[in-house]
C-alpha cells in the first residue's frame, strides 16, 4: 500500500486535484519585439554576461533572471534593469532565450 492509498483511506471524500508539472509551470513572460542585448564584460578581472534591453514588466525580468541562474547553476543578480550572470555564458543564455521565443542580439566578441 503506497502513500496515495493510505491517504485515500484516511480522507475518502477528498478529490484529487490535477497538479501542473514543472515543465508546464512557466509563468507568462511578455515577449517583446526588440532584441535583448547579451554582452560580455570583465569586472575586477572576472568575466560576466549582461542582459539588457527588456521593456516588459520588471517582475517578469526578475523571473527570467532566476530561471537562467537555476538552469545554468550559476550566480548572478538583477540590478538597474539588467541581468548580470557570473561567467561567460552568452551562447547558452542565447539558446535559452531563443527557446522561450525572445530575439537576442550578441554584442562584444
Protein backbone atom coordinates (compact mmCIF):
# COMPACT_ATOMS: atom_id res chain seq x y z
CA UNK A 1 0.00 0.00 0.00
CA UNK A 2 1.60 3.25 -1.09
CA UNK A 3 1.11 6.72 0.35
CA UNK A 4 -1.73 7.69 -2.02
CA UNK A 5 -3.74 4.64 -0.99
CA UNK A 6 -3.16 5.38 2.68
CA UNK A 7 -4.30 8.99 2.21
CA UNK A 8 -7.42 7.81 0.37
CA UNK A 9 -8.25 5.55 3.32
CA UNK A 10 -7.80 8.43 5.76
CA UNK A 11 -9.69 11.01 3.66
CA UNK A 12 -12.23 9.15 1.50
CA UNK A 13 -14.20 12.27 0.46
CA UNK A 14 -11.10 14.15 -0.78
CA UNK A 15 -11.00 14.70 -4.55
CA UNK A 16 -7.51 14.68 -6.01
CA UNK A 17 -6.62 17.79 -7.97
CA UNK A 18 -4.52 17.64 -11.07
CA UNK A 19 -1.12 19.20 -10.49
CA UNK A 20 0.79 21.07 -13.16
CA UNK A 21 4.21 19.62 -13.85
CA UNK A 22 7.27 21.82 -13.53
CA UNK A 23 7.79 21.93 -17.29
CA UNK A 24 4.36 23.42 -17.93
CA UNK A 25 4.52 25.74 -14.92
CA UNK A 26 6.22 28.55 -16.82
CA UNK A 27 4.92 31.98 -15.97
CA UNK A 28 3.60 34.14 -18.80
CA UNK A 29 6.55 36.38 -19.62
CA UNK A 30 5.88 39.18 -22.05
CA UNK A 31 7.80 38.60 -25.31
CA UNK A 32 8.99 41.82 -26.92
CA UNK A 33 9.74 42.87 -30.49
CA UNK A 34 13.15 44.44 -29.81
CA UNK A 35 16.04 42.04 -29.17
CA UNK A 36 17.55 41.55 -25.73
CA UNK A 37 21.20 42.58 -25.79
CA UNK A 38 23.58 39.92 -24.48
CA UNK A 39 27.07 41.26 -23.85
CA UNK A 40 30.30 40.17 -22.21
CA UNK A 41 32.43 42.23 -19.84
CA UNK A 42 35.16 41.77 -17.32
CA UNK A 43 34.79 43.33 -13.90
CA UNK A 44 37.66 43.08 -11.44
CA UNK A 45 39.29 40.58 -13.80
CA UNK A 46 36.34 38.18 -13.77
CA UNK A 47 34.04 37.53 -16.76
CA UNK A 48 30.34 38.39 -16.57
CA UNK A 49 27.45 38.23 -19.00
CA UNK A 50 24.99 41.13 -19.04
CA UNK A 51 21.45 41.02 -20.44
CA UNK A 52 19.68 44.31 -21.01
CA UNK A 53 17.03 45.88 -23.21
CA UNK A 54 13.91 44.15 -21.84
CA UNK A 55 10.99 46.56 -21.90
CA UNK A 56 8.33 44.42 -20.22
CA UNK A 57 7.43 44.32 -16.55
CA UNK A 58 10.33 44.36 -14.11
CA UNK A 59 8.92 41.36 -12.22
CA UNK A 60 8.96 39.30 -15.45
CA UNK A 61 12.62 40.17 -15.97
CA UNK A 62 13.39 39.06 -12.40
CA UNK A 63 11.62 35.75 -13.04
CA UNK A 64 13.64 35.33 -16.23
CA UNK A 65 16.87 36.06 -14.30
CA UNK A 66 16.04 33.39 -11.75
CA UNK A 67 15.25 30.83 -14.45
CA UNK A 68 18.56 31.48 -16.21
CA UNK A 69 20.54 31.26 -12.98
CA UNK A 70 18.93 27.99 -11.92
CA UNK A 71 19.19 26.45 -15.39
CA UNK A 72 22.91 27.23 -15.66
CA UNK A 73 23.61 26.71 -11.92
CA UNK A 74 25.50 29.99 -11.68
CA UNK A 75 25.34 33.10 -9.56
CA UNK A 76 24.10 36.43 -10.69
CA UNK A 77 21.90 39.36 -9.86
CA UNK A 78 19.28 41.74 -11.19
CA UNK A 79 20.26 45.42 -10.91
CA UNK A 80 19.24 48.58 -12.76
CA UNK A 81 17.05 46.68 -15.24
CA UNK A 82 19.97 44.40 -16.18
CA UNK A 83 20.59 40.72 -15.51
CA UNK A 84 24.20 40.09 -14.51
CA UNK A 85 25.37 36.46 -14.72
CA UNK A 86 28.74 35.36 -13.35
CA UNK A 87 30.86 33.86 -16.13
CA UNK A 88 30.79 33.87 -19.92
CA UNK A 89 27.58 32.00 -20.77
CA UNK A 90 26.48 34.02 -23.80
CA UNK A 91 25.90 31.03 -26.07
CA UNK A 92 23.90 29.04 -23.52
CA UNK A 93 21.86 32.07 -22.43
CA UNK A 94 21.08 32.95 -26.03
CA UNK A 95 19.83 29.38 -26.63
CA UNK A 96 17.62 29.52 -23.52
CA UNK A 97 16.12 32.86 -24.52
CA UNK A 98 15.57 31.83 -28.13
CA UNK A 99 13.79 28.66 -26.96
CA UNK A 100 11.46 30.90 -24.92
CA UNK A 101 10.73 32.99 -28.03
CA UNK A 102 12.93 36.03 -27.40
CA UNK A 103 15.08 37.72 -30.02
CA UNK A 104 18.65 38.04 -28.76
CA UNK A 105 21.48 40.15 -30.11
CA UNK A 106 25.06 39.25 -29.22
CA UNK A 107 27.33 42.24 -28.50
CA UNK A 108 31.08 42.23 -27.81
CA UNK A 109 33.24 39.40 -29.06
